């Protein structure tokens, strides 16, 4: 394209002429500052909300957790004093799961993962020490699962086995518990901890386990005392539950009559926890032998007969016997002293009769109610007159008797047992309602949060408007003020027919009215379509500052 043509087209394209090199740099700096300011405000408004990832972790676990978070590109913060690690709220659960997969936090102890790093050729003593450390760490982790235990340490004392039974000793253990503030362990939980340790170590008895807390209190001391020197927590809990159950039954049966807030009941129960077993053996007097049953009978008879001659040796023995002078006694034998024949007999009879006998075993169960006492307070009856004025009047004698009968049935009243019941009808005093000072609107938490969020967006909007009016709008005004009037500078070519308006030629600049903005834009678009290379050269000259 010729230079004359470029010169003729250039005025058409200089609609928004750029300033010089210094002006362009300042404009770019201002625009970049405005964009950076808006972007910074947007990032400040989108700052994530941090939540607690872990709290009360030791230094070793804290360092490991921070290292893993750095590898995961998860931002983190610390609370004042470093008591907790904070991460963005949308990454709390993901971070916990990934840390748990790596065994963090460990809680300051090692478990059986210590046995995974055993080196080849380790001595038996070192292997036993590692096993003991791993077992202590696993027990400590199990104890930390209890809600009241913050941390725990376990020390186990193994004994060397001996072939002599008399010298054999049992292993012992000590447990140190660090409880959360305001938390305590009852006797049942302490017993569970001692049995947990004793069941995990071979040949260890629960009596050989000592448990103490961070204050130095020996929690397992009650187990060494006799049963009569301490109270059973289960028994106390049973008494409290029984009393509360009876009181709730009394209140439930009176609610439909006097209203929910117009009755209050308290019950005291005397529970017998003594266990007794009794065995009785009773013998009745002897009955008539004729009607008694024979259990066993034994009869024995013995007889002895002899025909040998008897008498005094000598001449008289050869003489014939003299006549008998006395009768023969069958049981006692012959009374004479000189007979040739003698006999002796004996009969014994033993009879055993059945003896009446009663054996009775009696076992009295635990938890029986020895005595029951109940106190019931009933509010005055509310009465509303015709004018709508409410007043409180006492119950009548019939209503009070009806209430006493219902309470006796609900509590299981027994006169022979010595139960007592006291029903009192009185006016309840209404509690004084403490009037809290009204919190100003500007100090209410929800309004503070709302104002904080609204302030962020208002500040962002103000900074955006300031950047627009302070930087962008002046640049636009400066560019629009330097706009030159676009004219059609197209002279008639040689040899063309006609001239002026007849030949289709445009009027001279001094003979033509100024063009409107739409006409200028249309002319610029037409020139860009007809000769894009000329437009490119003009833009290049703008960039080069020519």
Protein backbone atom coordinates (compact mmCIF):
# COMPACT_ATOMS: atom_id res chain seq x y z
CA UNK A 1 0.00 0.00 0.00
CA UNK A 2 1.35 3.44 -0.91
CA UNK A 3 2.37 5.99 1.68
CA UNK A 4 -0.26 8.44 0.43
CA UNK A 5 -2.99 5.85 0.97
CA UNK A 6 -1.72 5.02 4.48
CA UNK A 7 -1.65 8.71 5.26
CA UNK A 8 -5.20 9.04 4.06
CA UNK A 9 -6.45 6.07 6.12
CA UNK A 10 -4.53 6.80 9.33
CA UNK A 11 -6.79 9.65 10.47
CA UNK A 12 -9.75 7.30 10.24
CA UNK A 13 -8.17 4.85 12.71
CA UNK A 14 -6.92 7.32 15.31
CA UNK A 15 -10.12 7.18 17.30
CA UNK A 16 -8.48 6.31 20.65
CA UNK A 17 -4.89 7.45 20.39
CA UNK A 18 -2.72 6.14 23.21
CA UNK A 19 -0.57 8.50 25.24
CA UNK A 20 3.16 8.52 25.18
CA UNK A 21 5.45 5.84 26.67
CA UNK A 22 5.40 7.34 30.18
CA UNK A 23 1.65 7.67 30.20
CA UNK A 24 1.21 4.08 29.07
CA UNK A 25 3.40 2.78 31.90
CA UNK A 26 1.50 4.77 34.49
CA UNK A 27 -1.80 3.58 33.11
CA UNK A 28 -0.68 -0.05 33.22
CA UNK A 29 0.60 0.35 36.80
CA UNK A 30 -2.67 1.89 37.95
CA UNK A 31 -4.72 -0.80 36.25
CA UNK A 32 -2.55 -3.56 37.76
CA UNK A 33 -2.86 -2.01 41.22
CA UNK A 34 -6.62 -1.82 40.91
CA UNK A 35 -6.85 -5.45 39.79
CA UNK A 36 -4.51 -6.58 42.58
CA UNK A 37 -6.54 -4.66 45.16
CA UNK A 38 -9.80 -6.20 44.01
CA UNK A 39 -8.24 -9.69 43.92
CA UNK A 40 -6.83 -9.24 47.44
CA UNK A 41 -10.20 -8.20 48.79
CA UNK A 42 -11.84 -11.16 47.12
CA UNK A 43 -9.31 -13.58 48.61
CA UNK A 44 -9.73 -11.97 52.03
CA UNK A 45 -13.48 -12.43 51.80
CA UNK A 46 -12.98 -16.09 50.80
CA UNK A 47 -10.61 -16.86 53.70
CA UNK A 48 -11.46 -20.39 54.94
CA UNK A 49 -12.90 -21.06 58.37
CA UNK A 50 -10.46 -23.06 60.51
CA UNK A 51 -11.52 -25.94 62.76
CA UNK A 52 -9.67 -28.02 65.37
CA UNK A 53 -7.90 -31.03 63.89
CA UNK A 54 -6.29 -32.38 67.08
CA UNK A 55 -5.89 -30.93 70.55
CA UNK A 56 -3.65 -31.75 73.51
CA UNK A 57 -1.07 -33.59 71.43
CA UNK A 58 2.49 -33.98 72.61
CA UNK A 59 5.44 -32.37 70.85
CA UNK A 60 6.51 -35.51 69.02
CA UNK A 61 3.07 -36.23 67.58
CA UNK A 62 2.61 -32.54 66.78
CA UNK A 63 5.80 -32.48 64.72
CA UNK A 64 4.82 -35.62 62.82
CA UNK A 65 1.32 -34.24 62.12
CA UNK A 66 2.70 -30.94 60.81
CA UNK A 67 5.12 -32.79 58.55
CA UNK A 68 2.31 -34.83 57.03
CA UNK A 69 0.11 -31.74 56.59
CA UNK A 70 2.96 -29.99 54.78
CA UNK A 71 3.31 -32.92 52.39
CA UNK A 72 -0.46 -32.85 51.81
CA UNK A 73 -0.38 -29.07 51.07
CA UNK A 74 -2.96 -28.47 53.79
CA UNK A 75 -2.67 -25.07 55.51
CA UNK A 76 -2.63 -25.15 59.31
CA UNK A 77 -2.54 -22.79 62.26
CA UNK A 78 -1.95 -23.04 66.01
CA UNK A 79 -4.06 -21.74 68.85
CA UNK A 80 -2.56 -19.57 71.56
CA UNK A 81 -0.09 -21.73 73.46
CA UNK A 82 -0.01 -24.41 70.78
CA UNK A 83 -2.69 -26.50 72.47
CA UNK A 84 -4.51 -27.36 69.23
CA UNK A 85 -3.81 -27.64 65.51
CA UNK A 86 -6.30 -25.91 63.22
CA UNK A 87 -6.98 -26.70 59.55
CA UNK A 88 -9.67 -25.46 57.12
CA UNK A 89 -13.11 -26.74 57.96
CA UNK A 90 -13.59 -28.51 54.62
CA UNK A 91 -10.39 -30.55 55.10
CA UNK A 92 -10.74 -31.66 58.73
CA UNK A 93 -12.19 -35.13 58.07
CA UNK A 94 -9.94 -35.84 55.09
CA UNK A 95 -6.84 -34.90 57.09
CA UNK A 96 -7.90 -37.03 60.05
CA UNK A 97 -8.44 -40.08 57.87
CA UNK A 98 -5.10 -39.71 56.13
CA UNK A 99 -3.29 -39.16 59.43
CA UNK A 100 -5.02 -42.17 60.97
CA UNK A 101 -3.82 -44.33 58.07
CA UNK A 102 -0.27 -43.41 59.09
CA UNK A 103 -0.90 -44.12 62.77
CA UNK A 104 -1.04 -40.50 63.95
CA UNK A 105 -1.35 -39.34 66.60
CA UNK A 106 0.41 -42.13 68.44
CA UNK A 107 -0.35 -40.80 71.90
CA UNK A 108 3.25 -40.77 73.06
CA UNK A 109 3.64 -44.55 73.15
CA UNK A 110 4.55 -47.37 70.84
CA UNK A 111 2.66 -50.58 70.30
CA UNK A 112 3.34 -53.84 68.56
CA UNK A 113 4.52 -51.95 65.50
CA UNK A 114 7.83 -51.84 67.39
CA UNK A 115 8.22 -55.56 66.67
CA UNK A 116 8.02 -54.91 62.92
CA UNK A 117 11.44 -53.24 62.90
CA UNK A 118 13.32 -56.04 64.59
CA UNK A 119 16.86 -56.38 63.30
CA UNK A 120 18.44 -59.68 62.47
CA UNK A 121 20.65 -61.02 65.23
CA UNK A 122 19.06 -59.11 68.09
CA UNK A 123 19.68 -60.60 71.52
CA UNK A 124 17.01 -62.38 73.52
CA UNK A 125 17.17 -59.75 76.26
CA UNK A 126 16.57 -56.90 73.80
CA UNK A 127 13.75 -58.84 72.19
CA UNK A 128 12.09 -59.30 75.60
CA UNK A 129 12.48 -55.59 76.35
CA UNK A 130 10.88 -54.64 73.02
CA UNK A 131 8.02 -57.03 73.67
CA UNK A 132 7.46 -55.52 77.11
CA UNK A 133 7.46 -51.98 75.68
CA UNK A 134 5.02 -52.99 72.94
CA UNK A 135 2.68 -54.64 75.44
CA UNK A 136 2.75 -51.62 77.73
CA UNK A 137 2.02 -49.30 74.81
CA UNK A 138 -0.93 -51.37 73.61
CA UNK A 139 -2.42 -51.47 77.10
CA UNK A 140 -2.02 -47.70 77.42
CA UNK A 141 -3.82 -47.19 74.11
CA UNK A 142 -6.67 -49.41 75.24
CA UNK A 143 -7.05 -47.41 78.46
CA UNK A 144 -7.10 -44.13 76.53
CA UNK A 145 -10.25 -45.35 74.80
CA UNK A 146 -12.11 -44.73 78.09
CA UNK A 147 -13.86 -41.37 77.93
CA UNK A 148 -12.46 -40.08 81.24
CA UNK A 149 -8.82 -41.02 80.52
CA UNK A 150 -6.73 -38.47 78.67
CA UNK A 151 -3.46 -40.41 78.70
CA UNK A 152 -2.09 -43.50 80.41
CA UNK A 153 1.21 -45.21 81.14
CA UNK A 154 1.68 -48.85 82.08
CA UNK A 155 4.69 -50.43 83.79
CA UNK A 156 4.92 -54.22 83.92
CA UNK A 157 7.42 -56.05 86.11
CA UNK A 158 8.09 -59.52 84.74
CA UNK A 159 9.83 -62.04 87.00
CA UNK A 160 12.36 -64.63 86.00
CA UNK A 161 10.88 -68.09 86.02
CA UNK A 162 12.24 -70.54 88.56
CA UNK A 163 12.10 -74.32 88.74
CA UNK A 164 11.40 -74.18 92.49
CA UNK A 165 7.75 -73.78 93.32
CA UNK A 166 8.42 -72.08 96.66
CA UNK A 167 10.50 -69.37 94.97
CA UNK A 168 7.99 -68.74 92.18
CA UNK A 169 6.74 -65.13 92.02
CA UNK A 170 3.91 -63.55 90.08
CA UNK A 171 4.34 -60.54 87.75
CA UNK A 172 3.05 -57.14 88.86
CA UNK A 173 1.94 -53.98 87.06
CA UNK A 174 1.43 -50.28 87.78
CA UNK A 175 -0.90 -48.00 85.85
CA UNK A 176 -0.64 -44.19 85.81
CA UNK A 177 -3.76 -42.42 84.53
CA UNK A 178 -4.06 -38.78 83.50
CA UNK A 179 -7.76 -37.93 83.68
CA UNK A 180 -9.54 -35.07 81.96
CA UNK A 181 -10.34 -32.08 84.20
CA UNK A 182 -13.51 -32.71 86.15
CA UNK A 183 -13.63 -36.44 85.32
CA UNK A 184 -13.37 -39.31 87.81
CA UNK A 185 -13.39 -43.09 87.68
CA UNK A 186 -15.75 -45.15 89.79
CA UNK A 187 -14.86 -48.45 91.42
CA UNK A 188 -16.31 -50.48 88.55
CA UNK A 189 -14.10 -48.71 85.98
CA UNK A 190 -11.00 -49.13 88.15
CA UNK A 191 -11.80 -52.82 88.51
CA UNK A 192 -12.20 -53.08 84.74
CA UNK A 193 -8.76 -51.52 84.22
CA UNK A 194 -7.10 -53.90 86.67
CA UNK A 195 -8.75 -56.91 85.02
CA UNK A 196 -7.73 -55.59 81.59
CA UNK A 197 -4.08 -55.58 82.64
CA UNK A 198 -4.18 -58.86 84.54
CA UNK A 199 -5.90 -60.64 81.65
CA UNK A 200 -3.29 -59.40 79.19
CA UNK A 201 -0.26 -60.63 81.15
CA UNK A 202 0.12 -64.36 81.81
CA UNK A 203 -0.07 -65.50 85.46
CA UNK A 204 -0.89 -62.02 86.74
CA UNK A 205 -3.56 -61.54 89.37
CA UNK A 206 -5.83 -58.50 89.57
CA UNK A 207 -4.55 -57.91 93.12
CA UNK A 208 -1.06 -57.32 91.73
CA UNK A 209 -2.18 -54.32 89.64
CA UNK A 210 -1.92 -50.83 91.16
CA UNK A 211 -3.85 -47.93 89.59
CA UNK A 212 -3.28 -44.26 90.48
CA UNK A 213 -4.24 -40.93 88.92
CA UNK A 214 -2.26 -37.78 88.13
CA UNK A 215 -2.86 -36.45 91.66
CA UNK A 216 -1.21 -39.47 93.28
CA UNK A 217 -4.46 -41.02 94.54
CA UNK A 218 -4.35 -44.81 94.71
CA UNK A 219 -7.55 -45.81 92.93
CA UNK A 220 -7.11 -49.55 93.44
CA UNK A 221 -6.91 -49.24 97.24
CA UNK A 222 -10.51 -50.31 97.74
CA UNK A 223 -9.85 -53.71 96.24
CA UNK A 224 -7.42 -54.57 99.04
CA UNK A 225 -9.95 -53.85 101.78
CA UNK A 226 -12.38 -56.41 103.14
CA UNK A 227 -15.87 -56.30 101.71
CA UNK A 228 -17.31 -54.95 104.95
CA UNK A 229 -15.18 -51.81 105.00
CA UNK A 230 -16.40 -50.22 101.78
CA UNK A 231 -19.71 -49.63 100.10
CA UNK A 232 -20.64 -51.38 96.92
CA UNK A 233 -21.39 -48.81 94.20
CA UNK A 234 -23.81 -51.23 92.58
CA UNK A 235 -25.86 -51.39 95.78
CA UNK A 236 -25.97 -47.61 96.09
CA UNK A 237 -27.02 -47.33 92.46
CA UNK A 238 -29.74 -49.93 93.03
CA UNK A 239 -31.12 -48.01 96.03
CA UNK A 240 -31.12 -44.73 94.13
CA UNK A 241 -32.79 -46.29 91.12
CA UNK A 242 -35.45 -47.95 93.25
CA UNK A 243 -36.26 -44.72 95.11
CA UNK A 244 -36.44 -42.70 91.91
CA UNK A 245 -38.67 -45.30 90.29
CA UNK A 246 -41.18 -45.22 93.16
CA UNK A 247 -41.15 -41.40 93.24
CA UNK A 248 -41.76 -41.21 89.49
CA UNK A 249 -44.68 -43.63 89.78
CA UNK A 250 -46.26 -41.47 92.47
CA UNK A 251 -45.85 -38.30 90.44
CA UNK A 252 -47.12 -39.96 87.25
CA UNK A 253 -50.35 -41.10 88.88
CA UNK A 254 -51.01 -37.62 90.34
CA UNK A 255 -50.19 -35.60 87.22
CA UNK A 256 -53.67 -35.98 85.65
CA UNK A 257 -55.30 -34.79 88.90
CA UNK A 258 -53.21 -31.85 90.12
CA UNK A 259 -51.03 -31.04 87.10
CA UNK A 260 -47.43 -31.70 86.23
CA UNK A 261 -45.89 -28.79 88.12
CA UNK A 262 -48.14 -29.09 91.19
CA UNK A 263 -46.75 -32.24 92.84
CA UNK A 264 -43.36 -33.40 94.06
CA UNK A 265 -42.52 -36.74 95.69
CA UNK A 266 -39.47 -38.14 97.46
CA UNK A 267 -39.03 -41.73 98.59
CA UNK A 268 -36.57 -43.31 101.01
CA UNK A 269 -36.11 -47.07 100.87
CA UNK A 270 -34.40 -49.30 103.41
CA UNK A 271 -33.02 -52.17 101.35
CA UNK A 272 -31.69 -55.34 102.94
CA UNK A 273 -28.63 -56.62 101.07
CA UNK A 274 -27.76 -59.35 103.59
CA UNK A 275 -27.68 -62.88 102.20
CA UNK A 276 -28.79 -65.70 104.54
CA UNK A 277 -29.01 -69.45 104.13
CA UNK A 278 -30.64 -71.58 106.83
CA UNK A 279 -30.83 -75.39 107.19
CA UNK A 280 -33.19 -76.91 109.85
CA UNK A 281 -33.54 -80.59 110.90
CA UNK A 282 -36.62 -81.38 113.07
CA UNK A 283 -37.50 -84.64 114.91
CA UNK A 284 -41.08 -85.33 115.98
CA UNK A 285 -41.96 -87.19 119.23
CA UNK A 286 -42.18 -91.03 119.18
CA UNK A 287 -45.45 -92.39 117.91
CA UNK A 288 -47.42 -95.54 118.92
CA UNK A 289 -45.18 -98.59 118.29
CA UNK A 290 -48.13 -100.46 116.85
CA UNK A 291 -48.58 -97.76 114.17
CA UNK A 292 -44.91 -97.07 113.62
CA UNK A 293 -43.13 -98.35 110.57
CA UNK A 294 -40.38 -100.88 111.19
CA UNK A 295 -37.16 -99.91 109.51
CA UNK A 296 -35.12 -103.03 110.53
CA UNK A 297 -35.53 -106.05 112.84
CA UNK A 298 -32.89 -108.51 114.06
CA UNK A 299 -33.49 -111.75 116.06
CA UNK A 300 -30.69 -114.03 117.27
CA UNK A 301 -31.09 -117.45 119.10
CA UNK A 302 -28.36 -119.62 120.69
CA UNK A 303 -28.67 -123.08 122.35
CA UNK A 304 -26.10 -125.52 123.84
CA UNK A 305 -26.83 -129.24 124.84
CA UNK A 306 -24.28 -131.80 126.37
CA UNK A 307 -24.67 -135.62 127.29
CA UNK A 308 -21.35 -136.08 129.11
CA UNK A 309 -21.37 -137.43 132.69
CA UNK A 310 -20.76 -134.96 135.35
CA UNK A 311 -19.84 -135.23 138.98
CA UNK A 312 -16.97 -135.54 141.38
CA UNK A 313 -14.41 -138.06 140.30
CA UNK A 314 -14.16 -141.01 142.69
CA UNK A 315 -16.15 -144.02 143.86
CA UNK A 316 -19.44 -142.20 143.79
CA UNK A 317 -19.25 -141.59 140.07
CA UNK A 318 -19.57 -145.26 139.40
CA UNK A 319 -22.85 -145.51 141.26
CA UNK A 320 -26.23 -145.15 139.54
CA UNK A 321 -27.74 -141.61 139.60
CA UNK A 322 -30.17 -140.77 142.33
CA UNK A 323 -33.74 -139.67 141.51
CA UNK A 324 -34.23 -136.05 140.55
CA UNK A 325 -35.31 -133.80 143.37
CA UNK A 326 -36.11 -130.57 141.41
CA UNK A 327 -37.71 -129.71 138.02
CA UNK A 328 -35.55 -128.82 135.05
CA UNK A 329 -35.36 -125.10 134.13
CA UNK A 330 -35.40 -124.76 130.34
CA UNK A 331 -33.66 -121.42 130.24
CA UNK A 332 -31.20 -121.74 133.07
CA UNK A 333 -30.26 -125.41 132.58
CA UNK A 334 -30.40 -128.15 135.19
CA UNK A 335 -30.47 -127.15 138.81
CA UNK A 336 -28.96 -130.34 139.90
CA UNK A 337 -25.26 -130.83 139.99
CA UNK A 338 -24.95 -134.45 139.24
CA UNK A 339 -27.02 -135.13 135.99
CA UNK A 340 -25.66 -136.72 132.85
CA UNK A 341 -27.50 -134.36 130.38
CA UNK A 342 -27.30 -130.43 130.33
CA UNK A 343 -28.69 -127.78 127.84
CA UNK A 344 -28.27 -123.90 127.46
CA UNK A 345 -30.27 -121.59 125.06
CA UNK A 346 -30.37 -117.73 124.41
CA UNK A 347 -32.64 -115.50 122.25
CA UNK A 348 -32.05 -111.78 121.37
CA UNK A 349 -34.46 -109.58 119.35
CA UNK A 350 -33.70 -106.01 118.09
CA UNK A 351 -36.34 -103.90 116.30
CA UNK A 352 -35.64 -100.43 114.78
CA UNK A 353 -38.59 -98.14 114.00
CA UNK A 354 -38.61 -95.15 111.56
CA UNK A 355 -38.17 -91.77 113.26
CA UNK A 356 -39.98 -88.66 111.86
CA UNK A 357 -37.45 -86.17 110.49
CA UNK A 358 -37.87 -82.86 108.60
CA UNK A 359 -34.94 -81.07 106.82
CA UNK A 360 -35.61 -77.50 105.57
CA UNK A 361 -33.23 -75.21 103.67
CA UNK A 362 -34.11 -71.50 103.52
CA UNK A 363 -32.25 -68.97 101.34
CA UNK A 364 -33.23 -65.31 101.67
CA UNK A 365 -32.61 -63.28 98.49
CA UNK A 366 -30.75 -59.94 98.49
CA UNK A 367 -32.37 -56.61 97.78
CA UNK A 368 -35.52 -57.04 99.81
CA UNK A 369 -37.32 -53.91 101.01
CA UNK A 370 -37.31 -53.65 104.78
CA UNK A 371 -39.09 -50.32 105.06
CA UNK A 372 -40.40 -47.66 102.69
CA UNK A 373 -41.05 -43.98 103.47
CA UNK A 374 -42.62 -41.46 101.11
CA UNK A 375 -43.24 -37.72 101.33
CA UNK A 376 -45.57 -36.05 98.83
CA UNK A 377 -46.16 -32.30 98.51
CA UNK A 378 -49.24 -31.13 96.55
CA UNK A 379 -49.87 -27.55 95.52
CA UNK A 380 -53.09 -25.69 96.21
CA UNK A 381 -55.86 -26.09 93.67
CA UNK A 382 -56.22 -23.28 91.14
CA UNK A 383 -59.73 -21.84 90.85
CA UNK A 384 -60.86 -19.26 88.28
CA UNK A 385 -63.98 -17.26 89.08
CA UNK A 386 -66.51 -15.81 86.66
CA UNK A 387 -64.50 -12.64 86.24
CA UNK A 388 -61.47 -14.61 85.13
CA UNK A 389 -59.50 -13.97 88.32
CA UNK A 390 -57.40 -16.99 89.38
CA UNK A 391 -56.99 -17.94 93.02
CA UNK A 392 -55.50 -20.88 94.90
CA UNK A 393 -57.49 -22.84 97.49
CA UNK A 394 -56.46 -25.87 99.58
CA UNK A 395 -57.69 -29.36 98.79
CA UNK A 396 -60.68 -30.75 100.55
CA UNK A 397 -60.45 -33.66 102.97
CA UNK A 398 -62.00 -36.03 100.42
CA UNK A 399 -59.51 -35.00 97.73
CA UNK A 400 -56.61 -35.40 100.11
CA UNK A 401 -57.83 -38.87 101.14
CA UNK A 402 -58.16 -39.84 97.50
CA UNK A 403 -54.60 -38.72 96.82
CA UNK A 404 -53.28 -40.68 99.81
CA UNK A 405 -55.03 -43.84 98.59
CA UNK A 406 -53.58 -43.47 95.12
CA UNK A 407 -50.08 -42.89 96.49
CA UNK A 408 -50.29 -45.98 98.72
CA UNK A 409 -51.26 -48.14 95.77
CA UNK A 410 -48.51 -46.68 93.59
CA UNK A 411 -45.73 -47.15 96.14
CA UNK A 412 -46.84 -50.59 97.38
CA UNK A 413 -47.62 -49.46 100.91
CA UNK A 414 -47.51 -52.25 103.52
CA UNK A 415 -48.59 -51.53 107.10
CA UNK A 416 -47.00 -54.62 108.62
CA UNK A 417 -43.65 -53.70 107.14
CA UNK A 418 -43.68 -50.34 108.87
CA UNK A 419 -44.08 -48.15 105.77
CA UNK A 420 -44.94 -44.49 106.29
CA UNK A 421 -46.58 -41.90 104.06
CA UNK A 422 -46.92 -38.15 104.53
CA UNK A 423 -49.00 -36.08 102.08
CA UNK A 424 -48.86 -32.31 102.57
CA UNK A 425 -51.04 -29.78 100.78
CA UNK A 426 -49.49 -26.31 100.69
CA UNK A 427 -48.99 -23.38 98.36
CA UNK A 428 -45.89 -23.58 96.19
CA UNK A 429 -43.64 -20.56 96.15
CA UNK A 430 -42.94 -19.40 92.64
CA UNK A 431 -39.23 -19.13 91.91
CA UNK A 432 -37.83 -15.69 91.43
CA UNK A 433 -37.05 -15.20 87.79
CA UNK A 434 -33.74 -13.48 87.44
CA UNK A 435 -33.98 -10.75 84.87
CA UNK A 436 -30.88 -10.79 82.80
CA UNK A 437 -29.77 -7.47 81.37
CA UNK A 438 -30.83 -7.11 77.79
CA UNK A 439 -27.91 -7.45 75.44
CA UNK A 440 -27.62 -4.53 73.04
CA UNK A 441 -28.21 -5.28 69.43
CA UNK A 442 -24.66 -4.41 68.50
CA UNK A 443 -23.29 -6.91 71.05
CA UNK A 444 -25.39 -9.91 70.05
CA UNK A 445 -23.21 -12.67 68.51
CA UNK A 446 -25.42 -13.25 65.48
CA UNK A 447 -25.51 -9.53 64.71
CA UNK A 448 -21.74 -9.29 65.13
CA UNK A 449 -21.20 -12.12 62.63
CA UNK A 450 -23.69 -10.56 60.22
CA UNK A 451 -22.00 -7.17 60.50
CA UNK A 452 -18.58 -8.75 59.97
CA UNK A 453 -19.70 -10.48 56.76
CA UNK A 454 -21.51 -7.39 55.53
CA UNK A 455 -18.45 -5.25 56.31
CA UNK A 456 -16.26 -7.50 54.19
CA UNK A 457 -18.46 -7.18 51.14
CA UNK A 458 -19.03 -3.45 51.63
CA UNK A 459 -15.30 -2.88 51.93
CA UNK A 460 -14.73 -4.89 48.76
CA UNK A 461 -17.37 -2.86 46.95
CA UNK A 462 -15.92 0.44 48.21
CA UNK A 463 -12.41 -0.47 47.10
CA UNK A 464 -13.71 -1.57 43.71
CA UNK A 465 -15.59 1.70 43.23
CA UNK A 466 -12.56 3.69 44.35
CA UNK A 467 -10.35 1.86 41.86
CA UNK A 468 -12.86 2.52 39.11
CA UNK A 469 -13.32 6.21 39.80
CA UNK A 470 -9.68 6.89 40.68
CA UNK A 471 -7.89 4.95 37.92
CA UNK A 472 -10.12 3.41 35.29
CA UNK A 473 -12.55 6.28 34.74
CA UNK A 474 -9.82 8.98 34.33
CA UNK A 475 -8.11 6.78 31.75
CA UNK A 476 -11.35 6.40 29.84
CA UNK A 477 -12.00 10.15 29.98
CA UNK A 478 -8.50 10.93 28.79
CA UNK A 479 -8.87 8.48 25.91
CA UNK A 480 -12.28 9.83 24.92
CA UNK A 481 -11.08 13.46 25.07
CA UNK A 482 -8.28 12.69 22.60
CA UNK A 483 -10.64 11.27 20.04
CA UNK A 484 -10.35 13.12 16.78
CA UNK A 485 -13.08 13.71 14.37
CA UNK A 486 -13.19 10.96 11.81
CA UNK A 487 -13.51 12.40 8.31
CA UNK A 488 -13.76 10.90 4.93
CA UNK A 489 -10.72 12.17 3.09
CA UNK A 490 -11.27 10.60 -0.29
CA UNK A 491 -10.43 12.83 -3.30
CA UNK A 492 -11.72 12.08 -6.87
CA UNK A 493 -9.44 9.98 -8.96
CA UNK A 494 -8.12 11.30 -12.26
CA UNK A 495 -10.39 10.54 -15.21
CA UNK A 496 -13.47 10.12 -13.14
CA UNK A 497 -16.58 11.67 -14.55
CA UNK A 498 -18.33 14.45 -12.85
CA UNK A 499 -17.32 16.17 -9.75
CA UNK A 500 -18.75 17.12 -6.42
CA UNK A 501 -21.94 15.45 -5.50
CA UNK A 502 -22.69 14.34 -9.01
CA UNK A 503 -19.76 11.97 -9.26
CA UNK A 504 -20.59 10.33 -5.93
CA UNK A 505 -17.66 12.06 -4.28
CA UNK A 506 -17.86 13.14 -0.68
CA UNK A 507 -17.69 16.80 0.14
CA UNK A 508 -14.46 18.37 1.29
CA UNK A 509 -13.76 18.43 5.00
CA UNK A 510 -14.41 22.15 5.25
CA UNK A 511 -17.69 21.68 3.40
CA UNK A 512 -18.99 18.67 5.50
CA UNK A 513 -20.73 18.57 8.87
CA UNK A 514 -18.99 16.64 11.74
CA UNK A 515 -19.69 12.89 11.84
CA UNK A 516 -21.48 11.24 14.71
CA UNK A 517 -19.94 8.51 16.88
CA UNK A 518 -21.84 5.74 15.08
CA UNK A 519 -20.65 7.06 11.74
CA UNK A 520 -17.08 7.11 13.00
CA UNK A 521 -17.29 3.51 14.19
CA UNK A 522 -18.88 2.41 10.91
CA UNK A 523 -16.13 4.13 8.94
CA UNK A 524 -13.42 2.49 11.05
CA UNK A 525 -14.99 -0.95 10.58
CA UNK A 526 -15.24 -0.36 6.83
CA UNK A 527 -11.59 0.64 6.62
CA UNK A 528 -10.51 -2.44 8.65
CA UNK A 529 -12.41 -4.73 6.29
CA UNK A 530 -11.11 -3.13 3.14
CA UNK A 531 -7.44 -2.91 4.08
CA UNK A 532 -6.51 -4.89 7.25
CA UNK A 533 -2.78 -4.46 6.55
CA UNK A 534 -3.05 -0.72 6.83
CA UNK A 535 -4.84 -1.08 10.16
CA UNK A 536 -2.09 -3.41 11.36
CA UNK A 537 0.57 -0.86 10.44
CA UNK A 538 -1.24 1.88 12.28
CA UNK A 539 -1.53 -0.28 15.42
CA UNK A 540 2.19 -1.11 15.11
CA UNK A 541 3.00 2.59 15.00
CA UNK A 542 0.93 3.12 18.14
CA UNK A 543 2.86 0.43 19.95
CA UNK A 544 6.21 1.80 18.84
CA UNK A 545 5.22 5.28 20.03
CA UNK A 546 5.40 6.83 16.59
